[in-house]
Amino acid sequence: MLNEGWAVVAQLGFWGWVLAVTGLILHAFPARGSFNRRGAAIWGAGFVVLYAFWIIGMLRA
């Protein structure tokens, strides 16, 4: 049986994860041959958290 609350968590987790991946790519690598550690850490943490929300939401929905 589908649980709508967890389905919403899965959707928000997925789209947040997509945006976090985009932010990670754009902020961690601002120019060719350069790497921003702070940007990578912040966006990478968001990537991991939102991926976990997506997976948990998929398992519970």
C-alpha atoms as a PDB file:
ATOM      1  CA  MET A   1       0.000   0.000   0.000  1.00  0.00           C
ATOM      2  CA  LEU A   2       1.337   3.406  -0.986  1.00  0.00           C
ATOM      3  CA  ASN A   3       2.080   5.870   1.767  1.00  0.00           C
ATOM      4  CA  GLU A   4       1.731   9.379   0.327  1.00  0.00           C
ATOM      5  CA  GLY A   5       3.988  11.015   2.925  1.00  0.00           C
ATOM      6  CA  TRP A   6       6.916   8.769   2.087  1.00  0.00           C
ATOM      7  CA  ALA A   7       6.205   9.198  -1.615  1.00  0.00           C
ATOM      8  CA  VAL A   8       6.577  12.964  -1.157  1.00  0.00           C
ATOM      9  CA  VAL A   9       9.852  12.401   0.734  1.00  0.00           C
ATOM     10  CA  ALA A  10      11.067  10.245  -2.168  1.00  0.00           C
ATOM     11  CA  GLN A  11      10.149  12.905  -4.734  1.00  0.00           C
ATOM     12  CA  LEU A  12      11.739  15.746  -2.769  1.00  0.00           C
ATOM     13  CA  GLY A  13      14.792  13.609  -2.115  1.00  0.00           C
ATOM     14  CA  PHE A  14      15.189  12.762  -5.781  1.00  0.00           C
ATOM     15  CA  TRP A  15      14.831  16.309  -7.100  1.00  0.00           C
ATOM     16  CA  GLY A  16      16.974  17.680  -4.284  1.00  0.00           C
ATOM     17  CA  TRP A  17      19.598  15.080  -5.140  1.00  0.00           C
ATOM     18  CA  VAL A  18      19.542  16.123  -8.810  1.00  0.00           C
ATOM     19  CA  LEU A  19      19.998  19.768  -7.815  1.00  0.00           C
ATOM     20  CA  ALA A  20      22.753  18.851  -5.348  1.00  0.00           C
ATOM     21  CA  VAL A  21      24.645  16.963  -8.073  1.00  0.00           C
ATOM     22  CA  THR A  22      24.364  20.002 -10.332  1.00  0.00           C
ATOM     23  CA  GLY A  23      25.516  22.301  -7.518  1.00  0.00           C
ATOM     24  CA  LEU A  24      28.398  19.954  -6.722  1.00  0.00           C
ATOM     25  CA  ILE A  25      29.609  19.979 -10.308  1.00  0.00           C
ATOM     26  CA  LEU A  26      29.275  23.741 -10.707  1.00  0.00           C
ATOM     27  CA  HIS A  27      30.713  24.782  -7.326  1.00  0.00           C
ATOM     28  CA  ALA A  28      33.392  22.148  -6.759  1.00  0.00           C
ATOM     29  CA  PHE A  29      34.886  22.671 -10.209  1.00  0.00           C
ATOM     30  CA  PRO A  30      34.511  26.416 -10.916  1.00  0.00           C
ATOM     31  CA  ALA A  31      37.111  26.461 -13.711  1.00  0.00           C
ATOM     32  CA  ARG A  32      39.173  24.006 -15.695  1.00  0.00           C
ATOM     33  CA  GLY A  33      41.960  22.611 -13.555  1.00  0.00           C
ATOM     34  CA  SER A  34      40.680  24.036 -10.247  1.00  0.00           C
ATOM     35  CA  PHE A  35      38.916  22.424  -7.310  1.00  0.00           C
ATOM     36  CA  ASN A  36      36.993  24.214  -4.546  1.00  0.00           C
ATOM     37  CA  ARG A  37      37.160  22.031  -1.419  1.00  0.00           C
ATOM     38  CA  ARG A  38      34.627  24.065   0.563  1.00  0.00           C
ATOM     39  CA  GLY A  39      32.073  23.977  -2.247  1.00  0.00           C
ATOM     40  CA  ALA A  40      32.660  20.267  -2.710  1.00  0.00           C
ATOM     41  CA  ALA A  41      32.162  19.583   1.003  1.00  0.00           C
ATOM     42  CA  ILE A  42      28.930  21.581   1.270  1.00  0.00           C
ATOM     43  CA  TRP A  43      27.332  20.292  -1.928  1.00  0.00           C
ATOM     44  CA  GLY A  44      28.687  16.789  -1.351  1.00  0.00           C
ATOM     45  CA  ALA A  45      27.031  16.663   2.067  1.00  0.00           C
ATOM     46  CA  GLY A  46      23.746  17.749   0.499  1.00  0.00           C
ATOM     47  CA  PHE A  47      24.231  15.081  -2.154  1.00  0.00           C
ATOM     48  CA  VAL A  48      24.606  12.339   0.471  1.00  0.00           C
ATOM     49  CA  VAL A  49      21.710  13.511   2.685  1.00  0.00           C
ATOM     50  CA  LEU A  50      19.261  13.955  -0.171  1.00  0.00           C
ATOM     51  CA  TYR A  51      20.265  10.634  -1.709  1.00  0.00           C
ATOM     52  CA  ALA A  52      19.509   8.985   1.636  1.00  0.00           C
ATOM     53  CA  PHE A  53      16.095  10.719   1.759  1.00  0.00           C
ATOM     54  CA  TRP A  54      15.360   9.473  -1.748  1.00  0.00           C
ATOM     55  CA  ILE A  55      16.282   5.867  -0.960  1.00  0.00           C
ATOM     56  CA  ILE A  56      14.491   5.812   2.398  1.00  0.00           C
ATOM     57  CA  GLY A  57      11.397   7.349   0.807  1.00  0.00           C
ATOM     58  CA  MET A  58      11.464   4.717  -1.945  1.00  0.00           C
ATOM     59  CA  LEU A  59      11.756   1.896   0.568  1.00  0.00           C
ATOM     60  CA  ARG A  60       8.960   3.197   2.800  1.00  0.00           C
ATOM     61  CA  ALA A  61       6.474   4.345   0.155  1.00  0.00           C
END
